[in-house]
Amino acid sequence: MKIDEIRGMTPDQLAETLLNLKKEQFNLRFQRATGQVEKTHRVDEVRKDIARIKTTLRAKQATA
């Protein structure tokens, strides 16, 4: 997910996307623990997307 896409979202959309990404991260952790994860790079992508969304949410709350 690119930062331009994230900045264009409303805070409600960001919160929903954040929740979905956290669920995906949880599932990926279990898959990695059991050795079933196929796309190992996705773990890092999800982690970075969560950080981007949290940063953008924080910035939008600070300006409001």
PDB file of N, CA and C in Angstrom:
ATOM      1  N   MET A   1       0.841  -1.155   0.000  1.00  0.00           N
ATOM      2  CA  MET A   1       0.000   0.000   0.000  1.00  0.00           C
ATOM      3  C   MET A   1       0.899   1.235   0.000  1.00  0.00           C
ATOM      4  N   LYS A   2       0.594   2.173  -0.865  1.00  0.00           N
ATOM      5  CA  LYS A   2       1.419   3.358  -0.983  1.00  0.00           C
ATOM      6  C   LYS A   2       0.911   4.465  -0.073  1.00  0.00           C
ATOM      7  N   ILE A   3       1.806   5.350   0.304  1.00  0.00           N
ATOM      8  CA  ILE A   3       1.476   6.416   1.233  1.00  0.00           C
ATOM      9  C   ILE A   3       0.440   7.366   0.647  1.00  0.00           C
ATOM     10  N   ASP A   4       0.442   7.568  -0.667  1.00  0.00           N
ATOM     11  CA  ASP A   4      -0.550   8.446  -1.291  1.00  0.00           C
ATOM     12  C   ASP A   4      -1.958   7.879  -1.131  1.00  0.00           C
ATOM     13  N   GLU A   5      -2.097   6.564  -1.232  1.00  0.00           N
ATOM     14  CA  GLU A   5      -3.388   5.918  -1.031  1.00  0.00           C
ATOM     15  C   GLU A   5      -3.845   6.105   0.413  1.00  0.00           C
ATOM     16  N   ILE A   6      -2.913   5.968   1.337  1.00  0.00           N
ATOM     17  CA  ILE A   6      -3.235   6.065   2.755  1.00  0.00           C
ATOM     18  C   ILE A   6      -3.644   7.488   3.114  1.00  0.00           C
ATOM     19  N   ARG A   7      -2.946   8.472   2.597  1.00  0.00           N
ATOM     20  CA  ARG A   7      -3.264   9.867   2.904  1.00  0.00           C
ATOM     21  C   ARG A   7      -4.617  10.282   2.352  1.00  0.00           C
ATOM     22  N   GLY A   8      -5.067   9.623   1.289  1.00  0.00           N
ATOM     23  CA  GLY A   8      -6.354   9.952   0.692  1.00  0.00           C
ATOM     24  C   GLY A   8      -7.547   9.355   1.423  1.00  0.00           C
ATOM     25  N   MET A   9      -7.303   8.505   2.390  1.00  0.00           N
ATOM     26  CA  MET A   9      -8.392   7.858   3.126  1.00  0.00           C
ATOM     27  C   MET A   9      -8.867   8.721   4.286  1.00  0.00           C
ATOM     28  N   THR A  10     -10.118   8.501   4.671  1.00  0.00           N
ATOM     29  CA  THR A  10     -10.672   9.179   5.840  1.00  0.00           C
ATOM     30  C   THR A  10     -10.205   8.433   7.090  1.00  0.00           C
ATOM     31  N   PRO A  11     -10.292   9.066   8.245  1.00  0.00           N
ATOM     32  CA  PRO A  11      -9.890   8.372   9.480  1.00  0.00           C
ATOM     33  C   PRO A  11     -10.662   7.075   9.732  1.00  0.00           C
ATOM     34  N   ASP A  12     -11.946   7.036   9.360  1.00  0.00           N
ATOM     35  CA  ASP A  12     -12.726   5.806   9.525  1.00  0.00           C
ATOM     36  C   ASP A  12     -12.204   4.695   8.625  1.00  0.00           C
ATOM     37  N   GLN A  13     -11.876   5.037   7.391  1.00  0.00           N
ATOM     38  CA  GLN A  13     -11.330   4.049   6.461  1.00  0.00           C
ATOM     39  C   GLN A  13      -9.973   3.561   6.954  1.00  0.00           C
ATOM     40  N   LEU A  14      -9.180   4.473   7.490  1.00  0.00           N
ATOM     41  CA  LEU A  14      -7.868   4.097   8.013  1.00  0.00           C
ATOM     42  C   LEU A  14      -7.999   3.137   9.186  1.00  0.00           C
ATOM     43  N   ALA A  15      -8.956   3.399  10.072  1.00  0.00           N
ATOM     44  CA  ALA A  15      -9.156   2.519  11.224  1.00  0.00           C
ATOM     45  C   ALA A  15      -9.604   1.133  10.771  1.00  0.00           C
ATOM     46  N   GLU A  16     -10.466   1.085   9.777  1.00  0.00           N
ATOM     47  CA  GLU A  16     -10.937  -0.210   9.258  1.00  0.00           C
ATOM     48  C   GLU A  16      -9.795  -0.975   8.586  1.00  0.00           C
ATOM     49  N   THR A  17      -9.002  -0.277   7.803  1.00  0.00           N
ATOM     50  CA  THR A  17      -7.867  -0.910   7.136  1.00  0.00           C
ATOM     51  C   THR A  17      -6.849  -1.393   8.162  1.00  0.00           C
ATOM     52  N   LEU A  18      -6.630  -0.609   9.196  1.00  0.00           N
ATOM     53  CA  LEU A  18      -5.706  -0.996  10.259  1.00  0.00           C
ATOM     54  C   LEU A  18      -6.170  -2.279  10.944  1.00  0.00           C
ATOM     55  N   LEU A  19      -7.455  -2.374  11.214  1.00  0.00           N
ATOM     56  CA  LEU A  19      -8.002  -3.578  11.839  1.00  0.00           C
ATOM     57  C   LEU A  19      -7.798  -4.802  10.944  1.00  0.00           C
ATOM     58  N   ASN A  20      -8.052  -4.638   9.643  1.00  0.00           N
ATOM     59  CA  ASN A  20      -7.865  -5.751   8.701  1.00  0.00           C
ATOM     60  C   ASN A  20      -6.406  -6.178   8.622  1.00  0.00           C
ATOM     61  N   LEU A  21      -5.500  -5.215   8.625  1.00  0.00           N
ATOM     62  CA  LEU A  21      -4.081  -5.539   8.552  1.00  0.00           C
ATOM     63  C   LEU A  21      -3.598  -6.235   9.820  1.00  0.00           C
ATOM     64  N   LYS A  22      -4.124  -5.834  10.962  1.00  0.00           N
ATOM     65  CA  LYS A  22      -3.733  -6.493  12.208  1.00  0.00           C
ATOM     66  C   LYS A  22      -4.223  -7.938  12.231  1.00  0.00           C
ATOM     67  N   LYS A  23      -5.424  -8.180  11.680  1.00  0.00           N
ATOM     68  CA  LYS A  23      -5.925  -9.553  11.583  1.00  0.00           C
ATOM     69  C   LYS A  23      -5.040 -10.381  10.662  1.00  0.00           C
ATOM     70  N   GLU A  24      -4.649  -9.768   9.535  1.00  0.00           N
ATOM     71  CA  GLU A  24      -3.779 -10.473   8.590  1.00  0.00           C
ATOM     72  C   GLU A  24      -2.429 -10.762   9.228  1.00  0.00           C
ATOM     73  N   GLN A  25      -1.892  -9.815   9.979  1.00  0.00           N
ATOM     74  CA  GLN A  25      -0.617 -10.014  10.658  1.00  0.00           C
ATOM     75  C   GLN A  25      -0.713 -11.161  11.661  1.00  0.00           C
ATOM     76  N   PHE A  26      -1.811 -11.224  12.381  1.00  0.00           N
ATOM     77  CA  PHE A  26      -2.031 -12.301  13.344  1.00  0.00           C
ATOM     78  C   PHE A  26      -2.033 -13.658  12.638  1.00  0.00           C
ATOM     79  N   ASN A  27      -2.758 -13.742  11.521  1.00  0.00           N
ATOM     80  CA  ASN A  27      -2.814 -14.995  10.764  1.00  0.00           C
ATOM     81  C   ASN A  27      -1.454 -15.371  10.185  1.00  0.00           C
ATOM     82  N   LEU A  28      -0.716 -14.391   9.714  1.00  0.00           N
ATOM     83  CA  LEU A  28       0.604 -14.664   9.158  1.00  0.00           C
ATOM     84  C   LEU A  28       1.571 -15.163  10.224  1.00  0.00           C
ATOM     85  N   ARG A  29       1.443 -14.641  11.450  1.00  0.00           N
ATOM     86  CA  ARG A  29       2.295 -15.117  12.537  1.00  0.00           C
ATOM     87  C   ARG A  29       2.039 -16.591  12.832  1.00  0.00           C
ATOM     88  N   PHE A  30       0.770 -16.979  12.827  1.00  0.00           N
ATOM     89  CA  PHE A  30       0.452 -18.384  13.052  1.00  0.00           C
ATOM     90  C   PHE A  30       0.950 -19.257  11.912  1.00  0.00           C
ATOM     91  N   GLN A  31       0.806 -18.779  10.689  1.00  0.00           N
ATOM     92  CA  GLN A  31       1.288 -19.543   9.543  1.00  0.00           C
ATOM     93  C   GLN A  31       2.800 -19.708   9.594  1.00  0.00           C
ATOM     94  N   ARG A  32       3.499 -18.653  10.012  1.00  0.00           N
ATOM     95  CA  ARG A  32       4.957 -18.752  10.090  1.00  0.00           C
ATOM     96  C   ARG A  32       5.374 -19.727  11.188  1.00  0.00           C
ATOM     97  N   ALA A  33       4.651 -19.726  12.294  1.00  0.00           N
ATOM     98  CA  ALA A  33       4.983 -20.617  13.404  1.00  0.00           C
ATOM     99  C   ALA A  33       4.785 -22.082  13.031  1.00  0.00           C
ATOM    100  N   THR A  34       3.793 -22.346  12.187  1.00  0.00           N
ATOM    101  CA  THR A  34       3.526 -23.723  11.784  1.00  0.00           C
ATOM    102  C   THR A  34       4.248 -24.092  10.494  1.00  0.00           C
ATOM    103  N   GLY A  35       4.947 -23.137   9.898  1.00  0.00           N
ATOM    104  CA  GLY A  35       5.699 -23.414   8.675  1.00  0.00           C
ATOM    105  C   GLY A  35       4.856 -23.448   7.428  1.00  0.00           C
ATOM    106  N   GLN A  36       3.698 -22.808   7.444  1.00  0.00           N
ATOM    107  CA  GLN A  36       2.792 -22.851   6.298  1.00  0.00           C
ATOM    108  C   GLN A  36       2.780 -21.566   5.474  1.00  0.00           C
ATOM    109  N   VAL A  37       3.523 -20.559   5.901  1.00  0.00           N
ATOM    110  CA  VAL A  37       3.495 -19.286   5.177  1.00  0.00           C
ATOM    111  C   VAL A  37       4.198 -19.450   3.834  1.00  0.00           C
ATOM    112  N   GLU A  38       3.508 -19.008   2.777  1.00  0.00           N
ATOM    113  CA  GLU A  38       4.067 -19.136   1.426  1.00  0.00           C
ATOM    114  C   GLU A  38       4.748 -17.847   0.980  1.00  0.00           C
ATOM    115  N   LYS A  39       4.153 -16.722   1.326  1.00  0.00           N
ATOM    116  CA  LYS A  39       4.717 -15.437   0.928  1.00  0.00           C
ATOM    117  C   LYS A  39       5.364 -14.793   2.158  1.00  0.00           C
ATOM    118  N   THR A  40       6.606 -15.135   2.380  1.00  0.00           N
ATOM    119  CA  THR A  40       7.282 -14.653   3.586  1.00  0.00           C
ATOM    120  C   THR A  40       7.480 -13.138   3.571  1.00  0.00           C
ATOM    121  N   HIS A  41       7.579 -12.542   2.403  1.00  0.00           N
ATOM    122  CA  HIS A  41       7.766 -11.098   2.313  1.00  0.00           C
ATOM    123  C   HIS A  41       6.526 -10.332   2.761  1.00  0.00           C
ATOM    124  N   ARG A  42       5.378 -10.985   2.735  1.00  0.00           N
ATOM    125  CA  ARG A  42       4.127 -10.321   3.116  1.00  0.00           C
ATOM    126  C   ARG A  42       4.132  -9.918   4.595  1.00  0.00           C
ATOM    127  N   VAL A  43       4.845 -10.664   5.425  1.00  0.00           N
ATOM    128  CA  VAL A  43       4.925 -10.348   6.858  1.00  0.00           C
ATOM    129  C   VAL A  43       5.518  -8.952   7.045  1.00  0.00           C
ATOM    130  N   ASP A  44       6.599  -8.666   6.357  1.00  0.00           N
ATOM    131  CA  ASP A  44       7.237  -7.353   6.466  1.00  0.00           C
ATOM    132  C   ASP A  44       6.375  -6.254   5.851  1.00  0.00           C
ATOM    133  N   GLU A  45       5.718  -6.548   4.728  1.00  0.00           N
ATOM    134  CA  GLU A  45       4.862  -5.564   4.080  1.00  0.00           C
ATOM    135  C   GLU A  45       3.715  -5.147   4.993  1.00  0.00           C
ATOM    136  N   VAL A  46       3.094  -6.118   5.626  1.00  0.00           N
ATOM    137  CA  VAL A  46       1.971  -5.826   6.519  1.00  0.00           C
ATOM    138  C   VAL A  46       2.436  -4.982   7.696  1.00  0.00           C
ATOM    139  N   ARG A  47       3.581  -5.332   8.252  1.00  0.00           N
ATOM    140  CA  ARG A  47       4.120  -4.580   9.390  1.00  0.00           C
ATOM    141  C   ARG A  47       4.379  -3.125   9.008  1.00  0.00           C
ATOM    142  N   LYS A  48       4.934  -2.903   7.842  1.00  0.00           N
ATOM    143  CA  LYS A  48       5.227  -1.538   7.399  1.00  0.00           C
ATOM    144  C   LYS A  48       3.954  -0.773   7.059  1.00  0.00           C
ATOM    145  N   ASP A  49       2.953  -1.454   6.490  1.00  0.00           N
ATOM    146  CA  ASP A  49       1.676  -0.810   6.200  1.00  0.00           C
ATOM    147  C   ASP A  49       0.984  -0.368   7.485  1.00  0.00           C
ATOM    148  N   ILE A  50       1.057  -1.198   8.513  1.00  0.00           N
ATOM    149  CA  ILE A  50       0.470  -0.835   9.805  1.00  0.00           C
ATOM    150  C   ILE A  50       1.151   0.423  10.342  1.00  0.00           C
ATOM    151  N   ALA A  51       2.449   0.489  10.247  1.00  0.00           N
ATOM    152  CA  ALA A  51       3.194   1.663  10.721  1.00  0.00           C
ATOM    153  C   ALA A  51       2.816   2.913   9.928  1.00  0.00           C
ATOM    154  N   ARG A  52       2.665   2.774   8.615  1.00  0.00           N
ATOM    155  CA  ARG A  52       2.279   3.921   7.786  1.00  0.00           C
ATOM    156  C   ARG A  52       0.903   4.439   8.175  1.00  0.00           C
ATOM    157  N   ILE A  53      -0.029   3.520   8.390  1.00  0.00           N
ATOM    158  CA  ILE A  53      -1.390   3.927   8.740  1.00  0.00           C
ATOM    159  C   ILE A  53      -1.419   4.584  10.109  1.00  0.00           C
ATOM    160  N   LYS A  54      -0.707   4.022  11.071  1.00  0.00           N
ATOM    161  CA  LYS A  54      -0.671   4.617  12.405  1.00  0.00           C
ATOM    162  C   LYS A  54      -0.068   6.017  12.369  1.00  0.00           C
ATOM    163  N   THR A  55       0.974   6.197  11.581  1.00  0.00           N
ATOM    164  CA  THR A  55       1.615   7.508  11.457  1.00  0.00           C
ATOM    165  C   THR A  55       0.665   8.509  10.844  1.00  0.00           C
ATOM    166  N   THR A  56      -0.038   8.110   9.799  1.00  0.00           N
ATOM    167  CA  THR A  56      -0.974   9.011   9.131  1.00  0.00           C
ATOM    168  C   THR A  56      -2.149   9.355  10.045  1.00  0.00           C
ATOM    169  N   LEU A  57      -2.664   8.366  10.768  1.00  0.00           N
ATOM    170  CA  LEU A  57      -3.757   8.627  11.713  1.00  0.00           C
ATOM    171  C   LEU A  57      -3.313   9.628  12.773  1.00  0.00           C
ATOM    172  N   ARG A  58      -2.133   9.433  13.282  1.00  0.00           N
ATOM    173  CA  ARG A  58      -1.603  10.322  14.327  1.00  0.00           C
ATOM    174  C   ARG A  58      -1.456  11.749  13.792  1.00  0.00           C
ATOM    175  N   ALA A  59      -0.985  11.883  12.566  1.00  0.00           N
ATOM    176  CA  ALA A  59      -0.805  13.202  11.970  1.00  0.00           C
ATOM    177  C   ALA A  59      -2.158  13.889  11.747  1.00  0.00           C
ATOM    178  N   LYS A  60      -3.159  13.125  11.312  1.00  0.00           N
ATOM    179  CA  LYS A  60      -4.478  13.706  11.083  1.00  0.00           C
ATOM    180  C   LYS A  60      -5.136  14.118  12.402  1.00  0.00           C
ATOM    181  N   GLN A  61      -4.890  13.358  13.464  1.00  0.00           N
ATOM    182  CA  GLN A  61      -5.449  13.720  14.768  1.00  0.00           C
ATOM    183  C   GLN A  61      -4.762  14.954  15.332  1.00  0.00           C
ATOM    184  N   ALA A  62      -3.486  15.107  15.047  1.00  0.00           N
ATOM    185  CA  ALA A  62      -2.741  16.261  15.562  1.00  0.00           C
ATOM    186  C   ALA A  62      -3.196  17.555  14.890  1.00  0.00           C
ATOM    187  N   THR A  63      -3.567  17.478  13.608  1.00  0.00           N
ATOM    188  CA  THR A  63      -4.000  18.671  12.907  1.00  0.00           C
ATOM    189  C   THR A  63      -5.450  19.034  13.214  1.00  0.00           C
ATOM    190  N   ALA A  64      -6.213  18.064  13.677  1.00  0.00           N
ATOM    191  CA  ALA A  64      -7.641  18.332  13.948  1.00  0.00           C
ATOM    192  C   ALA A  64      -7.865  18.974  15.295  1.00  0.00           C
TER     193      ALA A  64
END
